[in-house]
Amino acid sequence: MHEHNVRRARDGFADWEYGLLAASAVEWFGARAVSLTPEGKPVTGISGFQLTPDRSAGVDENADLDAVAVIGSDQWAGEAPPDVAELLNAVAARGGVVGGICAGTLALARAGMFEKAKHTSNGRDWINGHEAGYAGDLNYQDVPHAVADGKIVSAPGSAPGTFTLAFLKTLYPERSSDLAQMRTLFAREYAEAS
């Protein structure tokens, strides 16, 4: 049974992209959420809330992780984004789930995670604008919801709900009943609001 779910944050990270995932993993599935930042230093979200990480994104510190979710931040698209390829590849190599949402998908593209996996992001032109000719460009799926292919999960920044569901379904495939309940709850919110 998986016991870890990780979110990774950068300064100016998109607060709304990790909350549903982290809270659902802990509350519904009994995961232990661990927060990482590049150097293990606090970061501030777009809303101004500060996240104090449990540890850095170093590979040696994170040999216990079953999964890692890279959360969006404009810094992933900046001039000198951090290189987290070693961590993402280490988690993937041991059969873990690797996910990225919004600009976090750029970290996955740089790490070669999309070379053989169907994936999505904030648009084909957007991702190519930051990572021209990345490995797996032809696997891009132009959809408004999360995409899971094997143990790789990706989503545009506008899809934290489907990212949460796809990530947790990939991490906990044996929990289909709980995931169906979550999907029903999420769907009700949108059906009743429209």
N, C-alpha and C. Protein backbone atom coordinates (compact mmCIF):
# COMPACT_ATOMS: atom_id res chain seq x y z
N MET A 1 0.83 -1.18 0.00
CA MET A 1 0.00 0.00 0.00
C MET A 1 0.88 1.24 0.00
N HIS A 2 0.49 2.23 -0.77
CA HIS A 2 1.25 3.48 -0.84
C HIS A 2 0.98 4.29 0.42
N GLU A 3 2.01 4.91 0.94
CA GLU A 3 1.80 5.74 2.11
C GLU A 3 2.26 7.17 1.92
N HIS A 4 2.81 7.49 0.77
CA HIS A 4 3.33 8.83 0.55
C HIS A 4 2.70 9.47 -0.66
N ASN A 5 2.42 10.73 -0.53
CA ASN A 5 1.99 11.54 -1.64
C ASN A 5 2.74 12.85 -1.49
N VAL A 6 3.38 13.29 -2.55
CA VAL A 6 4.23 14.45 -2.42
C VAL A 6 3.75 15.58 -3.29
N ARG A 7 3.85 16.76 -2.79
CA ARG A 7 3.64 17.94 -3.61
C ARG A 7 4.93 18.73 -3.60
N ARG A 8 5.23 19.37 -4.69
CA ARG A 8 6.47 20.11 -4.82
C ARG A 8 6.10 21.54 -5.16
N ALA A 9 6.70 22.50 -4.49
CA ALA A 9 6.30 23.88 -4.67
C ALA A 9 7.49 24.79 -4.99
N ARG A 10 7.21 25.87 -5.67
CA ARG A 10 8.18 26.92 -6.00
C ARG A 10 7.56 28.23 -5.56
N ASP A 11 8.37 29.29 -5.39
CA ASP A 11 7.81 30.60 -5.06
C ASP A 11 6.80 31.00 -6.12
N GLY A 12 5.71 31.59 -5.68
CA GLY A 12 4.64 31.98 -6.60
C GLY A 12 3.88 30.78 -7.11
N PHE A 13 3.91 29.67 -6.34
CA PHE A 13 3.23 28.46 -6.80
C PHE A 13 1.72 28.66 -6.76
N ALA A 14 1.03 27.89 -7.59
CA ALA A 14 -0.42 27.99 -7.72
C ALA A 14 -1.09 27.22 -6.58
N ASP A 15 -1.51 27.95 -5.58
CA ASP A 15 -2.09 27.37 -4.37
C ASP A 15 -3.23 26.38 -4.65
N TRP A 16 -4.06 26.69 -5.61
CA TRP A 16 -5.25 25.87 -5.89
C TRP A 16 -4.92 24.52 -6.53
N GLU A 17 -3.70 24.33 -6.99
CA GLU A 17 -3.38 23.11 -7.71
C GLU A 17 -2.99 21.94 -6.81
N TYR A 18 -2.59 22.19 -5.60
CA TYR A 18 -2.17 21.09 -4.73
C TYR A 18 -3.14 20.80 -3.60
N GLY A 19 -3.95 21.75 -3.20
CA GLY A 19 -4.80 21.59 -2.02
C GLY A 19 -5.72 20.39 -2.07
N LEU A 20 -6.45 20.26 -3.16
CA LEU A 20 -7.40 19.16 -3.29
C LEU A 20 -6.67 17.82 -3.34
N LEU A 21 -5.55 17.77 -4.03
CA LEU A 21 -4.77 16.53 -4.12
C LEU A 21 -4.22 16.12 -2.76
N ALA A 22 -3.53 17.02 -2.11
CA ALA A 22 -2.89 16.68 -0.82
C ALA A 22 -3.94 16.32 0.23
N ALA A 23 -4.97 17.13 0.36
CA ALA A 23 -5.99 16.87 1.38
C ALA A 23 -6.75 15.57 1.09
N SER A 24 -7.08 15.31 -0.16
CA SER A 24 -7.80 14.08 -0.51
C SER A 24 -6.93 12.85 -0.27
N ALA A 25 -5.65 12.94 -0.61
CA ALA A 25 -4.75 11.80 -0.41
C ALA A 25 -4.65 11.45 1.07
N VAL A 26 -4.58 12.45 1.91
CA VAL A 26 -4.47 12.22 3.35
C VAL A 26 -5.80 11.76 3.93
N GLU A 27 -6.86 12.50 3.66
CA GLU A 27 -8.17 12.23 4.28
C GLU A 27 -8.83 10.95 3.76
N TRP A 28 -8.82 10.74 2.45
CA TRP A 28 -9.53 9.61 1.87
C TRP A 28 -8.69 8.34 1.80
N PHE A 29 -7.36 8.52 1.65
CA PHE A 29 -6.52 7.36 1.38
C PHE A 29 -5.45 7.08 2.43
N GLY A 30 -5.38 7.94 3.44
CA GLY A 30 -4.42 7.71 4.52
C GLY A 30 -2.97 7.94 4.14
N ALA A 31 -2.74 8.71 3.10
CA ALA A 31 -1.37 9.01 2.67
C ALA A 31 -0.71 9.96 3.67
N ARG A 32 0.58 10.02 3.57
CA ARG A 32 1.34 11.03 4.32
C ARG A 32 1.86 12.01 3.28
N ALA A 33 1.40 13.23 3.32
CA ALA A 33 1.84 14.24 2.37
C ALA A 33 3.14 14.87 2.87
N VAL A 34 4.07 15.02 1.96
CA VAL A 34 5.37 15.61 2.25
C VAL A 34 5.57 16.76 1.28
N SER A 35 5.92 17.92 1.78
CA SER A 35 6.16 19.06 0.89
C SER A 35 7.65 19.24 0.66
N LEU A 36 8.00 19.52 -0.58
CA LEU A 36 9.39 19.72 -0.98
C LEU A 36 9.53 21.07 -1.67
N THR A 37 10.68 21.70 -1.48
CA THR A 37 11.05 22.87 -2.27
C THR A 37 12.49 22.64 -2.71
N PRO A 38 12.94 23.34 -3.75
CA PRO A 38 14.26 23.05 -4.29
C PRO A 38 15.39 23.01 -3.25
N GLU A 39 15.40 23.95 -2.35
CA GLU A 39 16.48 24.00 -1.36
C GLU A 39 15.98 23.76 0.05
N GLY A 40 14.73 23.32 0.19
CA GLY A 40 14.18 23.09 1.52
C GLY A 40 13.83 24.37 2.25
N LYS A 41 13.70 25.47 1.51
CA LYS A 41 13.38 26.77 2.10
C LYS A 41 11.91 27.10 1.86
N PRO A 42 11.30 27.91 2.75
CA PRO A 42 9.90 28.30 2.57
C PRO A 42 9.67 29.02 1.24
N VAL A 43 8.48 28.82 0.70
CA VAL A 43 8.05 29.50 -0.52
C VAL A 43 6.68 30.12 -0.28
N THR A 44 6.35 31.09 -1.11
CA THR A 44 5.09 31.80 -0.97
C THR A 44 4.22 31.53 -2.19
N GLY A 45 2.96 31.19 -1.95
CA GLY A 45 2.03 30.93 -3.04
C GLY A 45 1.52 32.22 -3.66
N ILE A 46 0.81 32.09 -4.74
CA ILE A 46 0.23 33.24 -5.43
C ILE A 46 -0.68 34.03 -4.49
N SER A 47 -1.37 33.35 -3.59
CA SER A 47 -2.28 34.02 -2.66
C SER A 47 -1.55 34.74 -1.54
N GLY A 48 -0.25 34.47 -1.40
CA GLY A 48 0.53 35.07 -0.32
C GLY A 48 0.75 34.15 0.87
N PHE A 49 0.09 32.98 0.87
CA PHE A 49 0.31 32.02 1.94
C PHE A 49 1.70 31.43 1.81
N GLN A 50 2.33 31.20 2.96
CA GLN A 50 3.67 30.64 2.95
C GLN A 50 3.64 29.16 3.26
N LEU A 51 4.43 28.39 2.51
CA LEU A 51 4.57 26.96 2.71
C LEU A 51 5.97 26.70 3.26
N THR A 52 6.04 26.09 4.42
CA THR A 52 7.32 25.68 4.98
C THR A 52 7.48 24.21 4.66
N PRO A 53 8.46 23.86 3.83
CA PRO A 53 8.60 22.49 3.36
C PRO A 53 9.11 21.54 4.44
N ASP A 54 8.83 20.27 4.23
CA ASP A 54 9.36 19.23 5.10
C ASP A 54 10.83 18.97 4.79
N ARG A 55 11.21 19.14 3.51
CA ARG A 55 12.59 18.88 3.10
C ARG A 55 12.85 19.44 1.71
N SER A 56 14.07 19.29 1.26
CA SER A 56 14.43 19.76 -0.08
C SER A 56 14.05 18.71 -1.12
N ALA A 57 14.31 19.02 -2.36
CA ALA A 57 14.00 18.11 -3.46
C ALA A 57 15.17 17.20 -3.81
N GLY A 58 16.15 17.10 -2.94
CA GLY A 58 17.29 16.24 -3.19
C GLY A 58 16.90 14.77 -3.28
N VAL A 59 17.51 14.06 -4.18
CA VAL A 59 17.19 12.65 -4.40
C VAL A 59 17.45 11.82 -3.14
N ASP A 60 18.58 12.03 -2.49
CA ASP A 60 18.93 11.24 -1.31
C ASP A 60 17.93 11.41 -0.17
N GLU A 61 17.35 12.60 -0.05
CA GLU A 61 16.37 12.86 1.01
C GLU A 61 15.02 12.22 0.74
N ASN A 62 14.80 11.82 -0.48
CA ASN A 62 13.46 11.42 -0.90
C ASN A 62 13.37 10.00 -1.44
N ALA A 63 14.21 9.12 -0.95
CA ALA A 63 14.21 7.73 -1.39
C ALA A 63 12.96 6.98 -0.95
N ASP A 64 12.19 7.56 -0.04
CA ASP A 64 11.00 6.91 0.49
C ASP A 64 9.72 7.26 -0.26
N LEU A 65 9.79 8.12 -1.25
CA LEU A 65 8.58 8.61 -1.91
C LEU A 65 8.03 7.62 -2.93
N ASP A 66 6.72 7.44 -2.87
CA ASP A 66 6.01 6.62 -3.85
C ASP A 66 5.49 7.45 -5.01
N ALA A 67 5.44 8.76 -4.83
CA ALA A 67 4.86 9.63 -5.84
C ALA A 67 5.36 11.05 -5.63
N VAL A 68 5.33 11.81 -6.71
CA VAL A 68 5.67 13.23 -6.65
C VAL A 68 4.78 13.98 -7.62
N ALA A 69 4.21 15.09 -7.16
CA ALA A 69 3.37 15.94 -8.00
C ALA A 69 4.04 17.31 -8.07
N VAL A 70 4.36 17.74 -9.27
CA VAL A 70 5.01 19.03 -9.48
C VAL A 70 3.92 20.07 -9.73
N ILE A 71 3.85 21.03 -8.82
CA ILE A 71 2.81 22.06 -8.85
C ILE A 71 3.29 23.26 -9.67
N GLY A 72 2.36 23.89 -10.37
CA GLY A 72 2.70 25.00 -11.25
C GLY A 72 3.22 26.23 -10.53
N SER A 73 4.07 26.96 -11.22
CA SER A 73 4.63 28.23 -10.78
C SER A 73 5.24 28.88 -12.01
N ASP A 74 5.17 30.19 -12.10
CA ASP A 74 5.79 30.88 -13.24
C ASP A 74 7.30 30.63 -13.28
N GLN A 75 7.88 30.25 -12.14
CA GLN A 75 9.32 30.02 -12.13
C GLN A 75 9.73 28.81 -12.96
N TRP A 76 8.82 27.85 -13.17
CA TRP A 76 9.15 26.72 -14.04
C TRP A 76 9.35 27.18 -15.47
N ALA A 77 8.70 28.30 -15.83
CA ALA A 77 8.80 28.83 -17.18
C ALA A 77 9.82 29.96 -17.27
N GLY A 78 10.52 30.24 -16.18
CA GLY A 78 11.46 31.34 -16.14
C GLY A 78 12.80 31.02 -16.79
N GLU A 79 13.70 31.99 -16.68
CA GLU A 79 15.02 31.90 -17.30
C GLU A 79 15.88 30.76 -16.74
N ALA A 80 15.80 30.54 -15.42
CA ALA A 80 16.66 29.52 -14.80
C ALA A 80 15.83 28.61 -13.89
N PRO A 81 14.96 27.80 -14.47
CA PRO A 81 14.13 26.92 -13.63
C PRO A 81 15.00 25.87 -12.94
N PRO A 82 14.56 25.41 -11.79
CA PRO A 82 15.34 24.36 -11.11
C PRO A 82 15.31 23.07 -11.91
N ASP A 83 16.34 22.30 -11.75
CA ASP A 83 16.43 21.01 -12.44
C ASP A 83 16.05 19.91 -11.44
N VAL A 84 14.88 19.34 -11.62
CA VAL A 84 14.41 18.28 -10.73
C VAL A 84 14.32 16.93 -11.46
N ALA A 85 14.96 16.86 -12.61
CA ALA A 85 14.91 15.64 -13.42
C ALA A 85 15.40 14.43 -12.64
N GLU A 86 16.45 14.59 -11.85
CA GLU A 86 16.99 13.44 -11.12
C GLU A 86 15.96 12.88 -10.14
N LEU A 87 15.26 13.75 -9.43
CA LEU A 87 14.22 13.30 -8.50
C LEU A 87 13.07 12.63 -9.24
N LEU A 88 12.58 13.25 -10.30
CA LEU A 88 11.46 12.69 -11.05
C LEU A 88 11.82 11.33 -11.65
N ASN A 89 13.01 11.22 -12.20
CA ASN A 89 13.44 9.95 -12.78
C ASN A 89 13.65 8.88 -11.72
N ALA A 90 14.12 9.27 -10.54
CA ALA A 90 14.31 8.29 -9.46
C ALA A 90 12.97 7.74 -8.99
N VAL A 91 11.97 8.61 -8.83
CA VAL A 91 10.64 8.15 -8.42
C VAL A 91 10.05 7.25 -9.50
N ALA A 92 10.16 7.66 -10.76
CA ALA A 92 9.64 6.84 -11.87
C ALA A 92 10.36 5.50 -11.96
N ALA A 93 11.67 5.49 -11.76
CA ALA A 93 12.45 4.25 -11.88
C ALA A 93 12.04 3.20 -10.85
N ARG A 94 11.56 3.63 -9.70
CA ARG A 94 11.12 2.66 -8.70
C ARG A 94 9.62 2.39 -8.78
N GLY A 95 9.01 2.79 -9.90
CA GLY A 95 7.60 2.49 -10.14
C GLY A 95 6.63 3.46 -9.52
N GLY A 96 7.12 4.62 -9.11
CA GLY A 96 6.26 5.63 -8.50
C GLY A 96 5.49 6.44 -9.52
N VAL A 97 4.52 7.18 -9.02
CA VAL A 97 3.70 8.06 -9.86
C VAL A 97 4.39 9.42 -9.93
N VAL A 98 4.47 9.97 -11.14
CA VAL A 98 5.03 11.29 -11.36
C VAL A 98 3.97 12.13 -12.06
N GLY A 99 3.61 13.26 -11.45
CA GLY A 99 2.59 14.11 -12.03
C GLY A 99 3.04 15.55 -12.11
N GLY A 100 2.43 16.27 -13.03
CA GLY A 100 2.69 17.70 -13.17
C GLY A 100 1.43 18.39 -13.62
N ILE A 101 1.19 19.57 -13.06
CA ILE A 101 0.03 20.36 -13.42
C ILE A 101 0.50 21.77 -13.79
N CYS A 102 -0.13 22.33 -14.81
CA CYS A 102 0.17 23.69 -15.26
C CYS A 102 1.64 23.78 -15.63
N ALA A 103 2.35 24.78 -15.15
CA ALA A 103 3.76 24.95 -15.49
C ALA A 103 4.63 23.84 -14.90
N GLY A 104 4.10 23.08 -13.95
CA GLY A 104 4.82 21.93 -13.43
C GLY A 104 5.06 20.87 -14.49
N THR A 105 4.25 20.88 -15.55
CA THR A 105 4.45 19.93 -16.65
C THR A 105 5.77 20.19 -17.37
N LEU A 106 6.29 21.41 -17.29
CA LEU A 106 7.57 21.72 -17.92
C LEU A 106 8.70 20.93 -17.27
N ALA A 107 8.62 20.76 -15.96
CA ALA A 107 9.64 19.96 -15.26
C ALA A 107 9.60 18.51 -15.76
N LEU A 108 8.39 17.99 -15.99
CA LEU A 108 8.27 16.63 -16.50
C LEU A 108 8.81 16.53 -17.93
N ALA A 109 8.52 17.55 -18.75
CA ALA A 109 9.03 17.55 -20.13
C ALA A 109 10.56 17.57 -20.12
N ARG A 110 11.14 18.41 -19.27
CA ARG A 110 12.61 18.49 -19.19
C ARG A 110 13.24 17.18 -18.72
N ALA A 111 12.51 16.45 -17.90
CA ALA A 111 13.02 15.18 -17.36
C ALA A 111 12.79 14.01 -18.31
N GLY A 112 12.14 14.25 -19.45
CA GLY A 112 11.90 13.19 -20.42
C GLY A 112 10.71 12.30 -20.08
N MET A 113 9.87 12.73 -19.14
CA MET A 113 8.73 11.91 -18.72
C MET A 113 7.69 11.72 -19.82
N PHE A 114 7.65 12.64 -20.79
CA PHE A 114 6.62 12.58 -21.82
C PHE A 114 7.09 11.86 -23.09
N GLU A 115 8.30 11.38 -23.09
CA GLU A 115 8.85 10.77 -24.30
C GLU A 115 7.97 9.64 -24.82
N LYS A 116 7.42 8.84 -23.91
CA LYS A 116 6.57 7.71 -24.32
C LYS A 116 5.18 7.78 -23.70
N ALA A 117 4.84 8.90 -23.08
CA ALA A 117 3.55 9.00 -22.39
C ALA A 117 2.65 10.07 -23.00
N LYS A 118 1.38 9.72 -23.18
CA LYS A 118 0.40 10.73 -23.56
C LYS A 118 0.33 11.72 -22.40
N HIS A 119 0.14 12.99 -22.73
CA HIS A 119 0.15 14.03 -21.70
C HIS A 119 -0.57 15.28 -22.20
N THR A 120 -0.79 16.20 -21.27
CA THR A 120 -1.38 17.49 -21.60
C THR A 120 -0.70 18.57 -20.77
N SER A 121 -1.09 19.80 -21.01
CA SER A 121 -0.54 20.94 -20.28
C SER A 121 -1.44 22.14 -20.57
N ASN A 122 -0.86 23.31 -20.58
CA ASN A 122 -1.63 24.53 -20.84
C ASN A 122 -1.77 24.83 -22.33
N GLY A 123 -1.46 23.89 -23.17
CA GLY A 123 -1.56 24.04 -24.62
C GLY A 123 -0.29 23.55 -25.29
N ARG A 124 -0.44 22.94 -26.46
CA ARG A 124 0.72 22.43 -27.20
C ARG A 124 1.70 23.57 -27.51
N ASP A 125 1.19 24.70 -27.99
CA ASP A 125 2.07 25.83 -28.31
C ASP A 125 2.73 26.38 -27.06
N TRP A 126 2.00 26.39 -25.95
CA TRP A 126 2.55 26.90 -24.69
C TRP A 126 3.74 26.06 -24.23
N ILE A 127 3.55 24.74 -24.18
CA ILE A 127 4.64 23.89 -23.70
C ILE A 127 5.83 23.93 -24.67
N ASN A 128 5.56 23.95 -25.97
CA ASN A 128 6.65 24.05 -26.95
C ASN A 128 7.34 25.41 -26.92
N GLY A 129 6.60 26.43 -26.50
CA GLY A 129 7.19 27.76 -26.36
C GLY A 129 8.25 27.81 -25.27
N HIS A 130 8.14 26.91 -24.31
CA HIS A 130 9.12 26.86 -23.21
C HIS A 130 10.11 25.72 -23.37
N GLU A 131 9.70 24.66 -24.01
CA GLU A 131 10.55 23.47 -24.21
C GLU A 131 10.41 23.00 -25.65
N ALA A 132 10.92 23.81 -26.57
CA ALA A 132 10.77 23.51 -28.00
C ALA A 132 11.35 22.14 -28.34
N GLY A 133 10.53 21.34 -29.01
CA GLY A 133 10.98 20.03 -29.47
C GLY A 133 11.25 19.05 -28.35
N TYR A 134 10.56 19.20 -27.22
CA TYR A 134 10.78 18.26 -26.11
C TYR A 134 10.43 16.84 -26.53
N ALA A 135 11.07 15.87 -25.91
CA ALA A 135 10.83 14.46 -26.23
C ALA A 135 9.39 14.11 -25.89
N GLY A 136 8.65 13.64 -26.87
CA GLY A 136 7.27 13.26 -26.68
C GLY A 136 6.26 14.28 -27.16
N ASP A 137 6.71 15.30 -27.84
CA ASP A 137 5.81 16.34 -28.36
C ASP A 137 4.61 15.75 -29.10
N LEU A 138 4.82 14.67 -29.84
CA LEU A 138 3.73 14.08 -30.61
C LEU A 138 2.72 13.34 -29.73
N ASN A 139 3.06 13.13 -28.46
CA ASN A 139 2.13 12.47 -27.53
C ASN A 139 1.20 13.46 -26.84
N TYR A 140 1.31 14.74 -27.19
CA TYR A 140 0.49 15.77 -26.54
C TYR A 140 -0.99 15.56 -26.85
N GLN A 141 -1.83 15.67 -25.83
CA GLN A 141 -3.28 15.54 -25.97
C GLN A 141 -3.91 16.91 -25.70
N ASP A 142 -4.63 17.43 -26.66
CA ASP A 142 -5.25 18.75 -26.51
C ASP A 142 -6.63 18.59 -25.87
N VAL A 143 -6.62 18.44 -24.53
CA VAL A 143 -7.86 18.24 -23.77
C VAL A 143 -7.85 19.16 -22.54
N PRO A 144 -9.04 19.50 -22.01
CA PRO A 144 -9.11 20.41 -20.86
C PRO A 144 -9.04 19.72 -19.50
N HIS A 145 -8.75 18.44 -19.49
CA HIS A 145 -8.73 17.66 -18.25
C HIS A 145 -7.40 16.93 -18.12
N ALA A 146 -7.19 16.30 -16.98
CA ALA A 146 -5.95 15.55 -16.75
C ALA A 146 -5.85 14.34 -17.67
N VAL A 147 -4.61 13.95 -17.93
CA VAL A 147 -4.31 12.76 -18.73
C VAL A 147 -3.37 11.89 -17.90
N ALA A 148 -3.70 10.61 -17.80
CA ALA A 148 -2.82 9.64 -17.15
C ALA A 148 -2.42 8.60 -18.16
N ASP A 149 -1.13 8.32 -18.23
CA ASP A 149 -0.62 7.29 -19.13
C ASP A 149 0.43 6.51 -18.35
N GLY A 150 0.12 5.29 -18.02
CA GLY A 150 1.01 4.53 -17.15
C GLY A 150 1.05 5.21 -15.79
N LYS A 151 2.23 5.56 -15.34
CA LYS A 151 2.38 6.21 -14.03
C LYS A 151 2.68 7.71 -14.16
N ILE A 152 2.41 8.26 -15.36
CA ILE A 152 2.64 9.69 -15.61
C ILE A 152 1.28 10.37 -15.71
N VAL A 153 1.11 11.45 -14.92
CA VAL A 153 -0.15 12.19 -14.89
C VAL A 153 0.15 13.66 -15.17
N SER A 154 -0.65 14.27 -16.02
CA SER A 154 -0.46 15.69 -16.35
C SER A 154 -1.80 16.38 -16.49
N ALA A 155 -1.77 17.71 -16.31
CA ALA A 155 -3.01 18.47 -16.42
C ALA A 155 -2.71 19.93 -16.69
N PRO A 156 -3.66 20.63 -17.34
CA PRO A 156 -3.54 22.08 -17.43
C PRO A 156 -3.86 22.69 -16.06
N GLY A 157 -3.46 23.91 -15.85
CA GLY A 157 -3.70 24.57 -14.57
C GLY A 157 -5.17 24.76 -14.23
N SER A 158 -6.03 24.67 -15.22
CA SER A 158 -7.47 24.83 -15.00
C SER A 158 -8.15 23.53 -14.57
N ALA A 159 -7.38 22.48 -14.33
CA ALA A 159 -7.98 21.16 -14.06
C ALA A 159 -7.48 20.50 -12.77
N PRO A 160 -7.50 21.20 -11.63
CA PRO A 160 -7.03 20.56 -10.40
C PRO A 160 -7.91 19.40 -9.94
N GLY A 161 -9.19 19.42 -10.28
CA GLY A 161 -10.09 18.33 -9.89
C GLY A 161 -9.76 17.03 -10.62
N THR A 162 -9.66 17.10 -11.94
CA THR A 162 -9.33 15.88 -12.68
C THR A 162 -7.89 15.45 -12.45
N PHE A 163 -7.00 16.42 -12.17
CA PHE A 163 -5.62 16.07 -11.82
C PHE A 163 -5.62 15.24 -10.53
N THR A 164 -6.37 15.69 -9.54
CA THR A 164 -6.47 14.95 -8.28
C THR A 164 -6.99 13.55 -8.51
N LEU A 165 -8.08 13.43 -9.25
CA LEU A 165 -8.67 12.11 -9.50
C LEU A 165 -7.72 11.20 -10.28
N ALA A 166 -7.11 11.72 -11.34
CA ALA A 166 -6.20 10.90 -12.15
C ALA A 166 -4.97 10.49 -11.36
N PHE A 167 -4.43 11.41 -10.58
CA PHE A 167 -3.24 11.11 -9.79
C PHE A 167 -3.55 10.04 -8.76
N LEU A 168 -4.66 10.20 -8.03
CA LEU A 168 -5.01 9.23 -7.00
C LEU A 168 -5.42 7.89 -7.60
N LYS A 169 -6.06 7.89 -8.76
CA LYS A 169 -6.42 6.63 -9.42
C LYS A 169 -5.15 5.88 -9.84
N THR A 170 -4.15 6.61 -10.27
CA THR A 170 -2.88 5.99 -10.66
C THR A 170 -2.13 5.47 -9.44
N LEU A 171 -2.19 6.22 -8.35
CA LEU A 171 -1.49 5.84 -7.12
C LEU A 171 -2.21 4.72 -6.37
N TYR A 172 -3.54 4.72 -6.42
CA TYR A 172 -4.36 3.75 -5.69
C TYR A 172 -5.34 3.04 -6.62
N PRO A 173 -4.88 2.27 -7.58
CA PRO A 173 -5.79 1.64 -8.54
C PRO A 173 -6.78 0.67 -7.87
N GLU A 174 -6.42 0.13 -6.74
CA GLU A 174 -7.29 -0.82 -6.04
C GLU A 174 -8.45 -0.13 -5.31
N ARG A 175 -8.47 1.19 -5.27
CA ARG A 175 -9.49 1.93 -4.53
C ARG A 175 -10.53 2.56 -5.45
N SER A 176 -10.95 1.82 -6.46
CA SER A 176 -11.86 2.37 -7.47
C SER A 176 -13.19 2.84 -6.88
N SER A 177 -13.68 2.18 -5.84
CA SER A 177 -14.94 2.59 -5.22
C SER A 177 -14.82 3.97 -4.58
N ASP A 178 -13.73 4.20 -3.84
CA ASP A 178 -13.51 5.51 -3.23
C ASP A 178 -13.34 6.59 -4.29
N LEU A 179 -12.62 6.25 -5.35
CA LEU A 179 -12.41 7.21 -6.42
C LEU A 179 -13.72 7.55 -7.13
N ALA A 180 -14.59 6.57 -7.30
CA ALA A 180 -15.90 6.82 -7.91
C ALA A 180 -16.73 7.76 -7.03
N GLN A 181 -16.64 7.59 -5.72
CA GLN A 181 -17.35 8.50 -4.81
C GLN A 181 -16.82 9.92 -4.93
N MET A 182 -15.51 10.05 -5.01
CA MET A 182 -14.92 11.38 -5.17
C MET A 182 -15.38 12.02 -6.47
N ARG A 183 -15.33 11.25 -7.55
CA ARG A 183 -15.75 11.78 -8.85
C ARG A 183 -17.20 12.25 -8.80
N THR A 184 -18.06 11.48 -8.14
CA THR A 184 -19.47 11.86 -8.00
C THR A 184 -19.62 13.16 -7.23
N LEU A 185 -18.88 13.30 -6.14
CA LEU A 185 -18.92 14.55 -5.36
C LEU A 185 -18.47 15.74 -6.20
N PHE A 186 -17.37 15.57 -6.93
CA PHE A 186 -16.86 16.67 -7.75
C PHE A 186 -17.88 17.03 -8.84
N ALA A 187 -18.46 16.02 -9.47
CA ALA A 187 -19.42 16.26 -10.55
C ALA A 187 -20.66 16.98 -10.04
N ARG A 188 -21.11 16.61 -8.84
CA ARG A 188 -22.30 17.27 -8.27
C ARG A 188 -22.09 18.76 -8.09
N GLU A 189 -20.90 19.13 -7.65
CA GLU A 189 -20.61 20.56 -7.44
C GLU A 189 -20.85 21.34 -8.74
N TYR A 190 -20.32 20.84 -9.85
CA TYR A 190 -20.44 21.56 -11.10
C TYR A 190 -21.84 21.45 -11.70
N ALA A 191 -22.49 20.30 -11.54
CA ALA A 191 -23.84 20.12 -12.08
C ALA A 191 -24.84 21.04 -11.38
N GLU A 192 -24.72 21.16 -10.07
CA GLU A 192 -25.67 21.99 -9.32
C GLU A 192 -25.37 23.47 -9.45
N ALA A 193 -24.16 23.84 -9.74
CA ALA A 193 -23.80 25.24 -9.84
C ALA A 193 -24.16 25.85 -11.19
N SER A 194 -24.36 25.00 -12.21
CA SER A 194 -24.61 25.56 -13.54
C SER A 194 -26.06 25.71 -13.85
